Amino acid sequence: MALHGVALVDKPAGMSSFSVVSRLRRIFRTLGVTKAGHTGTLDPLATGLLPICLGESTKFAQRLLEADKGYIATIKLGSATTTGDREGEISETQPANCDASSVRTALARFVGSIEQTPPIYSALKVAGKPAYEYARAGQVIELAKRTVQIHDIELLSCDVVAQEFEISVACSKGTYIRTLAEDLALTLGTVGHLAALRRTRTGGFDLSAAQPLEAWMECDDATRSSWLLPTDSLVAELPRIGLNEFDARDMQNGKIVSYDRTQSSLIPEEGDGLLLRVYGPSEHFLGLGKLAPDGLLRAERLLSTQGL
């Protein structure tokens, strides 16, 4: 029986997200895992939470791509770089003389809905190619602004001598912390870049539950398996519905299941339907279904019965 679940990895600096996925896929291959995928890239510079879906869990990875994120970022004032972070070459310097009070005032301006221009050195696709390929080739392209949400931003520390400050950020998907660092510096009347980044949260997953990549690589199969979170942890925010043995089998066979309106408060009064976590007997997670106002439950995305 093939294994599936979610591995929470504390990614080290200097490694791409793709490399981390490749390593996890390799060590889980002996347990029958052939598919693996991350739920939102971290730049090589960044460390922290990288949830990796294994096996059948990859079917639900998209939900974490859409989820809110949390970060701790260190911003260096006085120098801008070609990439917006410390890995680029210094492209401009300006005097910087900011204190904690001025930084807090600037941070307050970024809470809520803001517009960002994605960095040219990013994986954002333009005509089928990542933007960074154009940048490396010396080609100038224009990237459209996007609206993102900064839910919360807080100053954690401020080194006045080094002109560096550390912040925590809770934000929507698609937020570029490198761009945020540059824009914050401009608001403070200088230039700056992202000196360090650590992701602390993705959706409902927290860094405190993650294991370092080295630990994943060095432990035995039994320990690795015990660290995996169940597939339904990817959709834990959705309401659940339970089916009896016969309805569960029908749903797995692609049939529409009729659910008694008098037995459930979940059935919506109108609309396209309610997305639900669907379980069979013994709390066995089947996948996602959509419950319509007429009480009909249709499969939306199911785990393969061969992978269970």
Protein backbone atom coordinates (compact mmCIF):
# COMPACT_ATOMS: atom_id res chain seq x y z
CA MET A 1 0.00 0.00 0.00
CA ALA A 2 1.56 3.28 -1.13
CA LEU A 3 2.15 6.00 1.43
CA HIS A 4 0.69 9.47 1.15
CA GLY A 5 0.67 12.51 3.40
CA VAL A 6 2.30 15.89 4.05
CA ALA A 7 5.91 16.36 5.11
CA LEU A 8 6.63 19.65 6.88
CA VAL A 9 10.24 20.53 6.10
CA ASP A 10 12.33 23.32 7.61
CA LYS A 11 14.20 24.27 4.43
CA PRO A 12 17.86 25.25 4.80
CA ALA A 13 19.34 28.30 3.09
CA GLY A 14 21.13 27.89 -0.22
CA MET A 15 18.85 25.21 -1.65
CA SER A 16 15.99 25.47 -4.13
CA SER A 17 12.53 24.18 -3.26
CA PHE A 18 12.80 21.77 -6.22
CA SER A 19 15.95 20.25 -4.72
CA VAL A 20 14.19 19.68 -1.40
CA VAL A 21 11.29 17.97 -3.17
CA SER A 22 13.70 15.73 -5.10
CA ARG A 23 15.41 14.62 -1.91
CA LEU A 24 12.12 13.84 -0.17
CA ARG A 25 10.91 11.88 -3.19
CA ARG A 26 14.09 9.83 -3.17
CA ILE A 27 14.00 8.86 0.51
CA PHE A 28 10.29 7.96 0.38
CA ARG A 29 10.62 5.87 -2.78
CA THR A 30 11.16 2.70 -0.73
CA LEU A 31 7.75 3.32 0.84
CA GLY A 32 6.03 3.38 -2.55
CA VAL A 33 5.97 7.15 -3.07
CA THR A 34 6.43 8.17 -6.72
CA LYS A 35 4.88 11.65 -6.66
CA ALA A 36 5.93 14.64 -4.60
CA GLY A 37 5.36 18.37 -4.89
CA HIS A 38 5.77 21.52 -2.81
CA THR A 39 3.02 23.97 -2.00
CA GLY A 40 4.70 27.25 -2.91
CA THR A 41 8.36 27.92 -3.63
CA LEU A 42 10.91 29.45 -1.32
CA ASP A 43 13.90 31.20 -2.88
CA PRO A 44 17.30 29.59 -2.20
CA LEU A 45 18.07 32.50 0.15
CA ALA A 46 15.02 31.72 2.30
CA THR A 47 14.65 29.18 5.08
CA GLY A 48 11.66 27.83 6.94
CA LEU A 49 8.40 26.05 6.35
CA LEU A 50 8.08 24.11 3.12
CA PRO A 51 5.13 21.66 3.15
CA ILE A 52 5.70 18.83 0.67
CA CYS A 53 2.82 16.67 -0.53
CA LEU A 54 3.59 13.01 -1.13
CA GLY A 55 1.65 10.51 -3.21
CA GLU A 56 -2.08 11.12 -3.37
CA SER A 57 -1.72 14.27 -1.30
CA THR A 58 -0.38 16.07 -4.39
CA LYS A 59 -3.99 16.23 -5.62
CA PHE A 60 -4.70 18.81 -2.91
CA ALA A 61 -1.47 20.84 -3.07
CA GLN A 62 -3.16 23.70 -4.95
CA ARG A 63 -5.11 24.66 -1.84
CA LEU A 64 -1.90 25.60 -0.03
CA LEU A 65 -0.66 27.55 -3.04
CA GLU A 66 -3.72 29.76 -2.49
CA ALA A 67 -3.25 30.02 1.28
CA ASP A 68 -2.02 32.94 3.38
CA LYS A 69 1.62 32.92 4.45
CA GLY A 70 3.68 34.16 7.39
CA TYR A 71 7.31 35.32 7.36
CA ILE A 72 10.08 36.82 9.43
CA ALA A 73 12.18 39.12 7.25
CA THR A 74 15.37 41.09 7.82
CA ILE A 75 15.67 44.28 5.76
CA LYS A 76 18.94 46.10 5.17
CA LEU A 77 18.71 49.84 4.52
CA GLY A 78 21.14 51.98 2.53
CA SER A 79 21.87 49.64 -0.37
CA ALA A 80 19.77 48.24 -3.20
CA THR A 81 20.70 45.12 -5.17
CA THR A 82 19.97 43.83 -8.65
CA THR A 83 17.81 40.99 -7.30
CA GLY A 84 16.18 42.75 -4.36
CA ASP A 85 17.94 40.48 -1.88
CA ARG A 86 21.44 39.93 -0.55
CA GLU A 87 22.33 37.50 -3.36
CA GLY A 88 22.38 40.26 -5.99
CA GLU A 89 25.04 42.84 -6.74
CA ILE A 90 24.75 46.26 -5.12
CA SER A 91 23.15 48.56 -7.67
CA GLU A 92 22.67 51.73 -5.61
CA THR A 93 23.54 53.18 -2.21
CA GLN A 94 21.92 56.01 -0.28
CA PRO A 95 22.30 57.38 3.24
CA ALA A 96 20.07 55.73 5.83
CA ASN A 97 19.44 56.94 9.36
CA CYS A 98 16.24 55.32 10.59
CA ASP A 99 15.19 54.41 14.11
CA ALA A 100 12.49 52.08 15.48
CA SER A 101 9.90 54.84 15.60
CA SER A 102 10.29 55.80 11.94
CA VAL A 103 10.27 52.15 10.90
CA ARG A 104 7.01 51.48 12.78
CA THR A 105 5.41 54.52 11.16
CA ALA A 106 6.43 53.27 7.70
CA LEU A 107 5.24 49.73 8.39
CA ALA A 108 1.75 50.97 9.31
CA ARG A 109 1.31 52.29 5.76
CA PHE A 110 1.58 48.79 4.33
CA VAL A 111 -1.18 47.09 6.32
CA GLY A 112 -4.20 46.21 4.18
CA SER A 113 -4.53 46.06 0.41
CA ILE A 114 -1.37 47.21 -1.41
CA GLU A 115 -0.03 47.11 -4.96
CA GLN A 116 3.26 45.45 -5.79
CA THR A 117 5.33 45.14 -8.94
CA PRO A 118 6.82 41.62 -8.95
CA PRO A 119 10.64 41.50 -9.00
CA ILE A 120 12.26 40.85 -12.35
CA TYR A 121 14.25 38.05 -10.73
CA SER A 122 11.20 35.90 -9.99
CA ALA A 123 9.62 32.69 -11.22
CA LEU A 124 6.60 34.58 -12.53
CA LYS A 125 5.87 33.34 -16.07
CA VAL A 126 5.96 35.81 -18.97
CA ALA A 127 5.12 34.34 -22.39
CA GLY A 128 5.80 30.89 -20.96
CA LYS A 129 9.20 31.71 -19.48
CA PRO A 130 10.16 32.67 -15.90
CA ALA A 131 10.90 36.37 -15.53
CA TYR A 132 14.38 35.61 -14.19
CA GLU A 133 15.39 34.11 -17.56
CA TYR A 134 14.78 37.47 -19.24
CA ALA A 135 16.69 39.24 -16.46
CA ARG A 136 19.70 36.93 -16.79
CA ALA A 137 19.71 37.51 -20.54
CA GLY A 138 19.73 41.27 -20.00
CA GLN A 139 16.27 41.71 -21.50
CA VAL A 140 14.02 44.39 -20.05
CA ILE A 141 10.39 43.38 -19.57
CA GLU A 142 7.49 45.04 -17.79
CA LEU A 143 5.64 43.13 -15.13
CA ALA A 144 2.10 44.19 -14.27
CA LYS A 145 1.33 45.37 -10.79
CA ARG A 146 -0.72 43.09 -8.58
CA THR A 147 -2.85 43.67 -5.52
CA VAL A 148 -1.95 41.72 -2.39
CA GLN A 149 -3.06 41.81 1.22
CA ILE A 150 -0.83 42.49 4.22
CA HIS A 151 -2.89 41.23 7.15
CA ASP A 152 -0.39 42.16 9.83
CA ILE A 153 3.14 43.55 10.01
CA GLU A 154 5.18 44.07 13.17
CA LEU A 155 8.65 45.34 14.00
CA LEU A 156 10.58 42.68 15.94
CA SER A 157 13.96 44.38 16.25
CA CYS A 158 15.87 47.38 14.91
CA ASP A 159 19.66 47.73 14.71
CA VAL A 160 20.21 51.47 14.30
CA VAL A 161 23.98 51.12 13.85
CA ALA A 162 23.73 48.49 11.06
CA GLN A 163 20.51 50.01 9.69
CA GLU A 164 18.84 46.62 9.69
CA PHE A 165 15.41 45.75 11.02
CA GLU A 166 13.51 42.51 11.45
CA ILE A 167 9.77 42.25 10.88
CA SER A 168 7.05 39.62 11.00
CA VAL A 169 4.57 39.63 8.12
CA ALA A 170 1.24 37.87 7.67
CA CYS A 171 0.13 38.19 4.04
CA SER A 172 -1.88 36.79 1.17
CA LYS A 173 -0.60 34.50 -1.55
CA GLY A 174 1.47 36.19 -4.23
CA THR A 175 3.11 38.69 -1.86
CA TYR A 176 6.77 39.30 -2.70
CA ILE A 177 8.70 40.05 0.49
CA ARG A 178 11.66 41.29 -1.59
CA THR A 179 9.41 43.91 -3.12
CA LEU A 180 8.00 44.75 0.29
CA ALA A 181 11.56 45.31 1.57
CA GLU A 182 12.39 47.65 -1.31
CA ASP A 183 9.13 49.58 -0.99
CA LEU A 184 9.56 49.96 2.77
CA ALA A 185 13.02 51.38 2.24
CA LEU A 186 11.69 53.91 -0.27
CA THR A 187 9.01 54.95 2.23
CA LEU A 188 11.81 55.54 4.73
CA GLY A 189 13.56 57.82 2.24
CA THR A 190 16.36 55.49 1.25
CA VAL A 191 16.95 52.20 -0.59
CA GLY A 192 17.18 48.71 0.78
CA HIS A 193 17.07 45.00 0.14
CA LEU A 194 15.97 41.75 1.76
CA ALA A 195 18.85 40.42 3.88
CA ALA A 196 17.16 37.27 5.24
CA LEU A 197 13.79 35.52 5.05
CA ARG A 198 12.20 32.73 7.05
CA ARG A 199 8.72 31.38 6.35
CA THR A 200 6.85 30.62 9.55
CA ARG A 201 3.38 29.73 8.34
CA THR A 202 1.52 28.37 5.30
CA GLY A 203 -2.23 28.13 5.65
CA GLY A 204 -2.89 26.09 8.79
CA PHE A 205 0.66 24.72 9.00
CA ASP A 206 3.22 26.22 11.37
CA LEU A 207 7.02 26.10 11.35
CA SER A 208 7.01 24.74 14.90
CA ALA A 209 5.71 21.40 13.55
CA ALA A 210 8.41 21.09 10.84
CA GLN A 211 11.55 18.97 10.91
CA PRO A 212 14.89 20.12 9.42
CA LEU A 213 15.67 18.61 6.02
CA GLU A 214 18.73 16.92 7.50
CA ALA A 215 16.55 15.13 10.05
CA TRP A 216 14.22 13.87 7.30
CA MET A 217 17.23 12.55 5.38
CA GLU A 218 18.95 10.81 8.30
CA CYS A 219 16.10 9.12 10.19
CA ASP A 220 14.65 5.68 9.44
CA ASP A 221 11.50 4.93 7.45
CA ALA A 222 9.37 4.36 10.54
CA THR A 223 10.27 7.77 11.94
CA ARG A 224 9.67 9.48 8.60
CA SER A 225 6.26 7.88 8.32
CA SER A 226 5.35 8.96 11.86
CA TRP A 227 6.22 12.58 11.01
CA LEU A 228 3.86 12.71 8.03
CA LEU A 229 0.62 14.59 8.49
CA PRO A 230 -2.53 13.02 7.01
CA THR A 231 -3.70 14.17 3.60
CA ASP A 232 -6.87 15.71 5.00
CA SER A 233 -4.75 18.20 6.98
CA LEU A 234 -4.47 20.07 3.66
CA VAL A 235 -8.22 20.75 3.70
CA ALA A 236 -8.84 20.95 7.44
CA GLU A 237 -10.60 24.33 7.11
CA LEU A 238 -13.47 22.78 5.12
CA PRO A 239 -16.58 21.36 6.83
CA ARG A 240 -16.78 17.56 6.89
CA ILE A 241 -19.45 15.07 5.96
CA GLY A 242 -19.58 11.36 6.71
CA LEU A 243 -20.96 8.60 4.47
CA ASN A 244 -22.00 5.05 5.22
CA GLU A 245 -20.26 2.12 3.56
CA PHE A 246 -22.62 1.96 0.57
CA ASP A 247 -22.63 5.69 -0.21
CA ALA A 248 -18.85 5.82 0.21
CA ARG A 249 -18.44 3.01 -2.33
CA ASP A 250 -20.83 4.69 -4.75
CA MET A 251 -18.91 7.97 -4.54
CA GLN A 252 -15.59 6.21 -5.15
CA ASN A 253 -17.17 4.61 -8.21
CA GLY A 254 -18.12 8.02 -9.59
CA LYS A 255 -21.79 7.97 -8.66
CA ILE A 256 -23.79 10.88 -7.26
CA VAL A 257 -24.92 10.34 -3.69
CA SER A 258 -28.25 11.62 -2.39
CA TYR A 259 -27.89 13.14 1.07
CA ASP A 260 -30.92 13.54 3.34
CA ARG A 261 -31.63 17.25 3.77
CA THR A 262 -33.37 16.61 7.08
CA GLN A 263 -30.21 15.05 8.54
CA SER A 264 -27.71 17.78 7.75
CA SER A 265 -27.41 21.51 8.34
CA LEU A 266 -24.59 21.58 5.79
CA ILE A 267 -26.82 21.61 2.72
CA PRO A 268 -26.80 25.15 1.26
CA GLU A 269 -30.05 26.91 0.46
CA GLU A 270 -28.74 28.20 -2.88
CA GLY A 271 -25.63 28.56 -5.02
CA ASP A 272 -23.33 26.11 -6.77
CA GLY A 273 -22.86 23.93 -3.73
CA LEU A 274 -20.72 23.57 -0.64
CA LEU A 275 -17.22 22.09 -0.84
CA LEU A 276 -16.74 19.44 1.85
CA ARG A 277 -14.25 16.96 3.23
CA VAL A 278 -15.83 13.55 2.67
CA TYR A 279 -15.25 10.56 4.95
CA GLY A 280 -16.31 6.95 4.80
CA PRO A 281 -16.65 4.43 7.63
CA SER A 282 -13.99 4.51 10.37
CA GLU A 283 -13.21 8.16 9.61
CA HIS A 284 -11.56 7.15 6.33
CA PHE A 285 -10.85 10.26 4.22
CA LEU A 286 -12.19 9.86 0.67
CA GLY A 287 -11.48 13.32 -0.75
CA LEU A 288 -13.55 16.38 -1.58
CA GLY A 289 -17.17 16.55 -2.62
CA LYS A 290 -19.62 19.31 -3.45
CA LEU A 291 -23.02 19.25 -1.79
CA ALA A 292 -25.75 20.96 -3.84
CA PRO A 293 -28.93 22.63 -2.55
CA ASP A 294 -30.94 19.64 -3.80
CA GLY A 295 -29.02 17.34 -1.43
CA LEU A 296 -26.95 15.67 -4.14
CA LEU A 297 -23.28 15.08 -3.30
CA ARG A 298 -20.89 14.95 -6.23
CA ALA A 299 -17.23 13.97 -6.12
CA GLU A 300 -14.91 16.94 -6.64
CA ARG A 301 -11.48 15.36 -6.08
CA LEU A 302 -11.00 11.89 -4.60
CA LEU A 303 -8.08 9.86 -3.42
CA SER A 304 -7.36 6.89 -5.65
CA THR A 305 -8.61 3.68 -4.05
CA GLN A 306 -5.39 2.04 -5.29
CA GLY A 307 -3.36 4.51 -3.25
CA LEU A 308 -5.18 3.82 0.02
